[in-house]
PDB file of N, CA and C in Angstrom:
ATOM      1  N   UNK A   1     -82.417  11.191   3.509  1.00  0.00           N
ATOM      2  CA  UNK A   1     -81.442  11.006   4.541  1.00  0.00           C
ATOM      3  C   UNK A   1     -80.100  10.469   3.984  1.00  0.00           C
ATOM      4  N   UNK A   2     -80.213   9.352   3.150  1.00  0.00           N
ATOM      5  CA  UNK A   2     -79.056   8.788   2.649  1.00  0.00           C
ATOM      6  C   UNK A   2     -78.375   9.763   1.672  1.00  0.00           C
ATOM      7  N   UNK A   3     -79.081  10.509   0.931  1.00  0.00           N
ATOM      8  CA  UNK A   3     -78.557  11.480   0.014  1.00  0.00           C
ATOM      9  C   UNK A   3     -77.703  12.601   0.694  1.00  0.00           C
ATOM     10  N   UNK A   4     -78.195  12.992   1.860  1.00  0.00           N
ATOM     11  CA  UNK A   4     -77.559  14.011   2.686  1.00  0.00           C
ATOM     12  C   UNK A   4     -76.197  13.507   3.121  1.00  0.00           C
ATOM     13  N   UNK A   5     -76.135  12.272   3.605  1.00  0.00           N
ATOM     14  CA  UNK A   5     -74.958  11.608   3.989  1.00  0.00           C
ATOM     15  C   UNK A   5     -73.898  11.537   2.849  1.00  0.00           C
ATOM     16  N   UNK A   6     -74.379  11.164   1.667  1.00  0.00           N
ATOM     17  CA  UNK A   6     -73.539  11.126   0.500  1.00  0.00           C
ATOM     18  C   UNK A   6     -72.901  12.525   0.154  1.00  0.00           C
ATOM     19  N   UNK A   7     -73.743  13.571   0.191  1.00  0.00           N
ATOM     20  CA  UNK A   7     -73.342  14.915  -0.041  1.00  0.00           C
ATOM     21  C   UNK A   7     -72.316  15.393   0.980  1.00  0.00           C
ATOM     22  N   UNK A   8     -72.601  15.123   2.256  1.00  0.00           N
ATOM     23  CA  UNK A   8     -71.646  15.488   3.321  1.00  0.00           C
ATOM     24  C   UNK A   8     -70.348  14.767   3.106  1.00  0.00           C
ATOM     25  N   UNK A   9     -70.315  13.485   2.725  1.00  0.00           N
ATOM     26  CA  UNK A   9     -69.168  12.733   2.535  1.00  0.00           C
ATOM     27  C   UNK A   9     -68.423  13.281   1.360  1.00  0.00           C
ATOM     28  N   UNK A  10     -69.037  13.574   0.259  1.00  0.00           N
ATOM     29  CA  UNK A  10     -68.349  14.138  -0.912  1.00  0.00           C
ATOM     30  C   UNK A  10     -67.861  15.543  -0.578  1.00  0.00           C
ATOM     31  N   UNK A  11     -68.586  16.266   0.133  1.00  0.00           N
ATOM     32  CA  UNK A  11     -68.114  17.677   0.577  1.00  0.00           C
ATOM     33  C   UNK A  11     -66.748  17.508   1.333  1.00  0.00           C
ATOM     34  N   UNK A  12     -66.717  16.564   2.261  1.00  0.00           N
ATOM     35  CA  UNK A  12     -65.481  16.383   3.029  1.00  0.00           C
ATOM     36  C   UNK A  12     -64.382  15.989   2.100  1.00  0.00           C
ATOM     37  N   UNK A  13     -64.522  15.193   1.150  1.00  0.00           N
ATOM     38  CA  UNK A  13     -63.550  14.740   0.257  1.00  0.00           C
ATOM     39  C   UNK A  13     -63.031  15.846  -0.577  1.00  0.00           C
ATOM     40  N   UNK A  14     -63.961  16.697  -1.130  1.00  0.00           N
ATOM     41  CA  UNK A  14     -63.549  17.852  -1.912  1.00  0.00           C
ATOM     42  C   UNK A  14     -62.756  18.867  -1.162  1.00  0.00           C
ATOM     43  N   UNK A  15     -63.256  19.173   0.102  1.00  0.00           N
ATOM     44  CA  UNK A  15     -62.518  20.153   0.991  1.00  0.00           C
ATOM     45  C   UNK A  15     -61.064  19.557   1.313  1.00  0.00           C
ATOM     46  N   UNK A  16     -60.937  18.332   1.545  1.00  0.00           N
ATOM     47  CA  UNK A  16     -59.594  17.710   1.798  1.00  0.00           C
ATOM     48  C   UNK A  16     -58.739  17.857   0.577  1.00  0.00           C
ATOM     49  N   UNK A  17     -59.254  17.544  -0.550  1.00  0.00           N
ATOM     50  CA  UNK A  17     -58.506  17.708  -1.836  1.00  0.00           C
ATOM     51  C   UNK A  17     -58.022  19.205  -2.027  1.00  0.00           C
ATOM     52  N   UNK A  18     -58.904  20.094  -1.757  1.00  0.00           N
ATOM     53  CA  UNK A  18     -58.587  21.570  -1.916  1.00  0.00           C
ATOM     54  C   UNK A  18     -57.498  21.943  -0.951  1.00  0.00           C
ATOM     55  N   UNK A  19     -57.661  21.539   0.302  1.00  0.00           N
ATOM     56  CA  UNK A  19     -56.682  21.855   1.348  1.00  0.00           C
ATOM     57  C   UNK A  19     -55.310  21.191   0.992  1.00  0.00           C
ATOM     58  N   UNK A  20     -55.304  20.011   0.492  1.00  0.00           N
ATOM     59  CA  UNK A  20     -54.019  19.370   0.082  1.00  0.00           C
ATOM     60  C   UNK A  20     -53.314  20.033  -1.052  1.00  0.00           C
ATOM     61  N   UNK A  21     -54.170  20.490  -2.079  1.00  0.00           N
ATOM     62  CA  UNK A  21     -53.612  21.229  -3.141  1.00  0.00           C
ATOM     63  C   UNK A  21     -53.018  22.584  -2.803  1.00  0.00           C
ATOM     64  N   UNK A  22     -53.708  23.284  -1.922  1.00  0.00           N
ATOM     65  CA  UNK A  22     -53.246  24.584  -1.542  1.00  0.00           C
ATOM     66  C   UNK A  22     -52.047  24.421  -0.585  1.00  0.00           C
ATOM     67  N   UNK A  23     -51.964  23.363   0.235  1.00  0.00           N
ATOM     68  CA  UNK A  23     -50.789  23.129   0.993  1.00  0.00           C
ATOM     69  C   UNK A  23     -49.568  22.793   0.167  1.00  0.00           C
ATOM     70  N   UNK A  24     -49.701  22.027  -0.829  1.00  0.00           N
ATOM     71  CA  UNK A  24     -48.501  21.693  -1.701  1.00  0.00           C
ATOM     72  C   UNK A  24     -48.101  22.978  -2.434  1.00  0.00           C
ATOM     73  N   UNK A  25     -49.036  23.771  -2.876  1.00  0.00           N
ATOM     74  CA  UNK A  25     -48.559  24.890  -3.634  1.00  0.00           C
ATOM     75  C   UNK A  25     -47.971  25.954  -2.636  1.00  0.00           C
ATOM     76  N   UNK A  26     -48.480  26.163  -1.461  1.00  0.00           N
ATOM     77  CA  UNK A  26     -47.877  27.113  -0.599  1.00  0.00           C
ATOM     78  C   UNK A  26     -46.512  26.610  -0.085  1.00  0.00           C
ATOM     79  N   UNK A  27     -46.305  25.343   0.035  1.00  0.00           N
ATOM     80  CA  UNK A  27     -45.062  24.795   0.541  1.00  0.00           C
ATOM     81  C   UNK A  27     -43.964  25.001  -0.612  1.00  0.00           C
ATOM     82  N   UNK A  28     -44.388  24.763  -1.825  1.00  0.00           N
ATOM     83  CA  UNK A  28     -43.455  24.985  -2.932  1.00  0.00           C
ATOM     84  C   UNK A  28     -43.031  26.372  -3.161  1.00  0.00           C
ATOM     85  N   UNK A  29     -43.983  27.284  -2.896  1.00  0.00           N
ATOM     86  CA  UNK A  29     -43.693  28.738  -3.013  1.00  0.00           C
ATOM     87  C   UNK A  29     -42.721  29.159  -1.841  1.00  0.00           C
ATOM     88  N   UNK A  30     -43.045  28.649  -0.659  1.00  0.00           N
ATOM     89  CA  UNK A  30     -42.216  28.967   0.517  1.00  0.00           C
ATOM     90  C   UNK A  30     -40.877  28.351   0.407  1.00  0.00           C
ATOM     91  N   UNK A  31     -40.736  27.228  -0.088  1.00  0.00           N
ATOM     92  CA  UNK A  31     -39.323  26.639  -0.281  1.00  0.00           C
ATOM     93  C   UNK A  31     -38.612  27.418  -1.313  1.00  0.00           C
ATOM     94  N   UNK A  32     -39.284  27.805  -2.349  1.00  0.00           N
ATOM     95  CA  UNK A  32     -38.524  28.670  -3.347  1.00  0.00           C
ATOM     96  C   UNK A  32     -37.904  30.000  -2.798  1.00  0.00           C
ATOM     97  N   UNK A  33     -38.676  30.601  -1.911  1.00  0.00           N
ATOM     98  CA  UNK A  33     -38.210  31.841  -1.299  1.00  0.00           C
ATOM     99  C   UNK A  33     -37.140  31.571  -0.242  1.00  0.00           C
ATOM    100  N   UNK A  34     -37.345  30.494   0.500  1.00  0.00           N
ATOM    101  CA  UNK A  34     -36.400  30.100   1.549  1.00  0.00           C
ATOM    102  C   UNK A  34     -35.004  29.734   1.111  1.00  0.00           C
ATOM    103  N   UNK A  35     -35.053  29.007  -0.003  1.00  0.00           N
ATOM    104  CA  UNK A  35     -33.726  28.539  -0.462  1.00  0.00           C
ATOM    105  C   UNK A  35     -32.914  29.655  -1.103  1.00  0.00           C
ATOM    106  N   UNK A  36     -33.618  30.675  -1.578  1.00  0.00           N
ATOM    107  CA  UNK A  36     -32.859  31.773  -2.161  1.00  0.00           C
ATOM    108  C   UNK A  36     -32.309  32.710  -1.116  1.00  0.00           C
ATOM    109  N   UNK A  37     -32.777  32.693   0.150  1.00  0.00           N
ATOM    110  CA  UNK A  37     -32.298  33.585   1.149  1.00  0.00           C
ATOM    111  C   UNK A  37     -31.259  32.960   2.036  1.00  0.00           C
ATOM    112  N   UNK A  38     -31.011  31.678   1.975  1.00  0.00           N
ATOM    113  CA  UNK A  38     -30.009  30.933   2.735  1.00  0.00           C
ATOM    114  C   UNK A  38     -28.736  30.795   1.993  1.00  0.00           C
ATOM    115  N   UNK A  39     -27.603  31.080   2.725  1.00  0.00           N
ATOM    116  CA  UNK A  39     -26.271  30.964   1.957  1.00  0.00           C
ATOM    117  C   UNK A  39     -26.112  29.444   1.732  1.00  0.00           C
ATOM    118  N   UNK A  40     -25.351  29.261   0.577  1.00  0.00           N
ATOM    119  CA  UNK A  40     -25.025  27.871   0.159  1.00  0.00           C
ATOM    120  C   UNK A  40     -24.011  27.203   1.065  1.00  0.00           C
ATOM    121  N   UNK A  41     -24.292  25.945   1.370  1.00  0.00           N
ATOM    122  CA  UNK A  41     -23.349  25.180   2.150  1.00  0.00           C
ATOM    123  C   UNK A  41     -23.220  25.407   3.601  1.00  0.00           C
ATOM    124  N   UNK A  42     -24.035  26.219   4.120  1.00  0.00           N
ATOM    125  CA  UNK A  42     -23.922  26.614   5.574  1.00  0.00           C
ATOM    126  C   UNK A  42     -25.141  26.041   6.241  1.00  0.00           C
ATOM    127  N   UNK A  43     -24.933  25.038   7.218  1.00  0.00           N
ATOM    128  CA  UNK A  43     -26.142  24.471   7.914  1.00  0.00           C
ATOM    129  C   UNK A  43     -26.794  25.513   8.903  1.00  0.00           C
ATOM    130  N   UNK A  44     -27.942  25.215   9.263  1.00  0.00           N
ATOM    131  CA  UNK A  44     -28.674  26.084  10.178  1.00  0.00           C
ATOM    132  C   UNK A  44     -28.123  25.711  11.595  1.00  0.00           C
ATOM    133  N   UNK A  45     -27.410  26.614  12.297  1.00  0.00           N
ATOM    134  CA  UNK A  45     -26.976  26.311  13.657  1.00  0.00           C
ATOM    135  C   UNK A  45     -27.889  27.128  14.634  1.00  0.00           C
ATOM    136  N   UNK A  46     -28.114  26.557  15.786  1.00  0.00           N
ATOM    137  CA  UNK A  46     -28.902  27.270  16.776  1.00  0.00           C
ATOM    138  C   UNK A  46     -28.172  28.546  17.288  1.00  0.00           C
ATOM    139  N   UNK A  47     -28.902  29.640  17.505  1.00  0.00           N
ATOM    140  CA  UNK A  47     -28.300  30.837  18.012  1.00  0.00           C
ATOM    141  C   UNK A  47     -27.815  30.547  19.374  1.00  0.00           C
ATOM    142  N   UNK A  48     -26.595  31.021  19.656  1.00  0.00           N
ATOM    143  CA  UNK A  48     -25.993  30.848  20.996  1.00  0.00           C
ATOM    144  C   UNK A  48     -24.947  29.653  20.989  1.00  0.00           C
ATOM    145  N   UNK A  49     -24.660  29.126  19.802  1.00  0.00           N
ATOM    146  CA  UNK A  49     -23.609  28.068  19.689  1.00  0.00           C
ATOM    147  C   UNK A  49     -24.275  26.683  19.823  1.00  0.00           C
ATOM    148  N   UNK A  50     -23.334  25.696  19.834  1.00  0.00           N
ATOM    149  CA  UNK A  50     -23.842  24.284  19.785  1.00  0.00           C
ATOM    150  C   UNK A  50     -24.670  24.034  21.069  1.00  0.00           C
ATOM    151  N   UNK A  51     -25.526  22.989  21.003  1.00  0.00           N
ATOM    152  CA  UNK A  51     -26.418  22.635  22.097  1.00  0.00           C
ATOM    153  C   UNK A  51     -25.624  21.620  22.984  1.00  0.00           C
ATOM    154  N   UNK A  52     -25.740  21.807  24.253  1.00  0.00           N
ATOM    155  CA  UNK A  52     -25.175  20.946  25.202  1.00  0.00           C
ATOM    156  C   UNK A  52     -26.188  20.442  26.108  1.00  0.00           C
ATOM    157  N   UNK A  53     -26.055  19.190  26.638  1.00  0.00           N
ATOM    158  CA  UNK A  53     -27.040  18.552  27.494  1.00  0.00           C
ATOM    159  C   UNK A  53     -26.811  18.795  28.897  1.00  0.00           C
ATOM    160  N   UNK A  54     -27.834  19.197  29.608  1.00  0.00           N
ATOM    161  CA  UNK A  54     -27.712  19.358  31.079  1.00  0.00           C
ATOM    162  C   UNK A  54     -27.740  18.027  31.745  1.00  0.00           C
ATOM    163  N   UNK A  55     -26.704  17.704  32.592  1.00  0.00           N
ATOM    164  CA  UNK A  55     -26.593  16.307  33.163  1.00  0.00           C
ATOM    165  C   UNK A  55     -27.678  16.081  34.224  1.00  0.00           C
ATOM    166  N   UNK A  56     -28.287  17.185  34.707  1.00  0.00           N
ATOM    167  CA  UNK A  56     -29.306  16.883  35.769  1.00  0.00           C
ATOM    168  C   UNK A  56     -30.708  16.711  35.278  1.00  0.00           C
ATOM    169  N   UNK A  57     -31.155  17.719  34.507  1.00  0.00           N
ATOM    170  CA  UNK A  57     -32.655  17.533  33.999  1.00  0.00           C
ATOM    171  C   UNK A  57     -32.678  17.060  32.529  1.00  0.00           C
ATOM    172  N   UNK A  58     -31.579  17.072  31.786  1.00  0.00           N
ATOM    173  CA  UNK A  58     -31.595  16.488  30.446  1.00  0.00           C
ATOM    174  C   UNK A  58     -31.930  17.485  29.359  1.00  0.00           C
ATOM    175  N   UNK A  59     -32.191  18.684  29.661  1.00  0.00           N
ATOM    176  CA  UNK A  59     -32.513  19.682  28.630  1.00  0.00           C
ATOM    177  C   UNK A  59     -31.279  20.078  27.817  1.00  0.00           C
ATOM    178  N   UNK A  60     -31.554  20.428  26.544  1.00  0.00           N
ATOM    179  CA  UNK A  60     -30.521  20.898  25.657  1.00  0.00           C
ATOM    180  C   UNK A  60     -30.540  22.459  25.648  1.00  0.00           C
ATOM    181  N   UNK A  61     -29.397  23.017  25.901  1.00  0.00           N
ATOM    182  CA  UNK A  61     -29.227  24.473  25.971  1.00  0.00           C
ATOM    183  C   UNK A  61     -28.138  24.889  25.034  1.00  0.00           C
ATOM    184  N   UNK A  62     -28.089  26.189  24.551  1.00  0.00           N
ATOM    185  CA  UNK A  62     -26.941  26.585  23.785  1.00  0.00           C
ATOM    186  C   UNK A  62     -25.857  26.841  24.767  1.00  0.00           C
ATOM    187  N   UNK A  63     -24.655  26.570  24.327  1.00  0.00           N
ATOM    188  CA  UNK A  63     -23.403  26.601  25.131  1.00  0.00           C
ATOM    189  C   UNK A  63     -23.136  27.991  25.562  1.00  0.00           C
ATOM    190  N   UNK A  64     -23.434  29.009  24.746  1.00  0.00           N
ATOM    191  CA  UNK A  64     -23.189  30.336  25.051  1.00  0.00           C
ATOM    192  C   UNK A  64     -24.158  30.861  26.121  1.00  0.00           C
ATOM    193  N   UNK A  65     -25.318  30.265  26.300  1.00  0.00           N
ATOM    194  CA  UNK A  65     -26.301  30.782  27.309  1.00  0.00           C
ATOM    195  C   UNK A  65     -26.348  29.878  28.556  1.00  0.00           C
ATOM    196  N   UNK A  66     -25.459  29.040  28.718  1.00  0.00           N
ATOM    197  CA  UNK A  66     -25.573  28.039  29.757  1.00  0.00           C
ATOM    198  C   UNK A  66     -24.721  28.517  31.045  1.00  0.00           C
ATOM    199  N   UNK A  67     -24.998  27.828  32.152  1.00  0.00           N
ATOM    200  CA  UNK A  67     -24.260  27.999  33.326  1.00  0.00           C
ATOM    201  C   UNK A  67     -23.182  26.921  33.362  1.00  0.00           C
ATOM    202  N   UNK A  68     -21.918  27.303  33.359  1.00  0.00           N
ATOM    203  CA  UNK A  68     -20.810  26.356  33.223  1.00  0.00           C
ATOM    204  C   UNK A  68     -20.170  26.046  34.589  1.00  0.00           C
ATOM    205  N   UNK A  69     -19.612  24.860  34.737  1.00  0.00           N
ATOM    206  CA  UNK A  69     -18.847  24.467  35.927  1.00  0.00           C
ATOM    207  C   UNK A  69     -17.912  23.390  35.534  1.00  0.00           C
ATOM    208  N   UNK A  70     -16.637  23.603  35.923  1.00  0.00           N
ATOM    209  CA  UNK A  70     -15.575  22.612  35.636  1.00  0.00           C
ATOM    210  C   UNK A  70     -15.546  21.618  36.750  1.00  0.00           C
ATOM    211  N   UNK A  71     -15.694  20.362  36.497  1.00  0.00           N
ATOM    212  CA  UNK A  71     -15.659  19.289  37.533  1.00  0.00           C
ATOM    213  C   UNK A  71     -14.659  18.317  37.004  1.00  0.00           C
ATOM    214  N   UNK A  72     -13.685  18.009  37.823  1.00  0.00           N
ATOM    215  CA  UNK A  72     -12.661  17.022  37.478  1.00  0.00           C
ATOM    216  C   UNK A  72     -12.052  17.218  36.046  1.00  0.00           C
ATOM    217  N   UNK A  73     -11.858  18.442  35.694  1.00  0.00           N
ATOM    218  CA  UNK A  73     -11.237  18.757  34.429  1.00  0.00           C
ATOM    219  C   UNK A  73     -12.146  18.803  33.232  1.00  0.00           C
ATOM    220  N   UNK A  74     -13.447  18.524  33.534  1.00  0.00           N
ATOM    221  CA  UNK A  74     -14.519  18.426  32.431  1.00  0.00           C
ATOM    222  C   UNK A  74     -15.469  19.599  32.595  1.00  0.00           C
ATOM    223  N   UNK A  75     -15.720  20.332  31.469  1.00  0.00           N
ATOM    224  CA  UNK A  75     -16.640  21.418  31.589  1.00  0.00           C
ATOM    225  C   UNK A  75     -18.112  20.916  31.400  1.00  0.00           C
ATOM    226  N   UNK A  76     -18.972  21.198  32.329  1.00  0.00           N
ATOM    227  CA  UNK A  76     -20.332  20.623  32.314  1.00  0.00           C
ATOM    228  C   UNK A  76     -21.194  21.993  32.069  1.00  0.00           C
ATOM    229  N   UNK A  77     -22.316  21.761  31.357  1.00  0.00           N
ATOM    230  CA  UNK A  77     -23.223  22.900  31.021  1.00  0.00           C
ATOM    231  C   UNK A  77     -24.547  22.626  31.665  1.00  0.00           C
ATOM    232  N   UNK A  78     -25.049  23.647  32.362  1.00  0.00           N
ATOM    233  CA  UNK A  78     -26.327  23.515  33.003  1.00  0.00           C
ATOM    234  C   UNK A  78     -27.334  24.535  32.612  1.00  0.00           C
ATOM    235  N   UNK A  79     -28.557  24.246  32.640  1.00  0.00           N
ATOM    236  CA  UNK A  79     -29.601  25.242  32.191  1.00  0.00           C
ATOM    237  C   UNK A  79     -29.867  26.302  33.203  1.00  0.00           C
ATOM    238  N   UNK A  80     -29.597  26.056  34.453  1.00  0.00           N
ATOM    239  CA  UNK A  80     -29.785  27.075  35.459  1.00  0.00           C
ATOM    240  C   UNK A  80     -28.845  26.844  36.706  1.00  0.00           C
ATOM    241  N   UNK A  81     -28.744  27.872  37.567  1.00  0.00           N
ATOM    242  CA  UNK A  81     -27.940  27.583  38.716  1.00  0.00           C
ATOM    243  C   UNK A  81     -28.565  26.527  39.677  1.00  0.00           C
ATOM    244  N   UNK A  82     -29.841  26.398  39.634  1.00  0.00           N
ATOM    245  CA  UNK A  82     -30.515  25.342  40.499  1.00  0.00           C
ATOM    246  C   UNK A  82     -30.015  24.018  40.009  1.00  0.00           C
ATOM    247  N   UNK A  83     -29.956  23.759  38.801  1.00  0.00           N
ATOM    248  CA  UNK A  83     -29.525  22.406  38.230  1.00  0.00           C
ATOM    249  C   UNK A  83     -27.993  22.216  38.680  1.00  0.00           C
ATOM    250  N   UNK A  84     -27.234  23.323  38.500  1.00  0.00           N
ATOM    251  CA  UNK A  84     -25.797  23.238  38.899  1.00  0.00           C
ATOM    252  C   UNK A  84     -25.663  22.840  40.325  1.00  0.00           C
ATOM    253  N   UNK A  85     -26.497  23.405  41.188  1.00  0.00           N
ATOM    254  CA  UNK A  85     -26.290  23.153  42.587  1.00  0.00           C
ATOM    255  C   UNK A  85     -26.854  21.709  42.951  1.00  0.00           C
ATOM    256  N   UNK A  86     -27.787  21.244  42.245  1.00  0.00           N
ATOM    257  CA  UNK A  86     -28.279  19.845  42.476  1.00  0.00           C
ATOM    258  C   UNK A  86     -27.220  18.914  42.060  1.00  0.00           C
ATOM    259  N   UNK A  87     -26.507  19.201  41.001  1.00  0.00           N
ATOM    260  CA  UNK A  87     -25.414  18.334  40.504  1.00  0.00           C
ATOM    261  C   UNK A  87     -24.234  18.266  41.607  1.00  0.00           C
ATOM    262  N   UNK A  88     -23.935  19.407  42.165  1.00  0.00           N
ATOM    263  CA  UNK A  88     -22.774  19.521  43.058  1.00  0.00           C
ATOM    264  C   UNK A  88     -23.088  18.868  44.442  1.00  0.00           C
ATOM    265  N   UNK A  89     -24.311  18.766  44.782  1.00  0.00           N
ATOM    266  CA  UNK A  89     -24.718  18.184  46.139  1.00  0.00           C
ATOM    267  C   UNK A  89     -24.535  16.752  46.143  1.00  0.00           C
TER     268      UNK A  89
END
């Protein structure tokens, strides 16, 4: 019984070490290919422009895909017409 527990414990340790090694190797290979495909000096920006925070529900949405409303000279960005209507009420 005790021997079976020792073997199970050692098996878990060996499998963990193997998974860790393969994770490190796959991350290194992935980073190598990713860095060669990204242009130098350009940060990753979200598609649709900079993110804006909805003042009603607090979600962040791309400025290009948002519902806009100018209130007191300030442009506000909403995730949906429902949030816009809640803000105006």
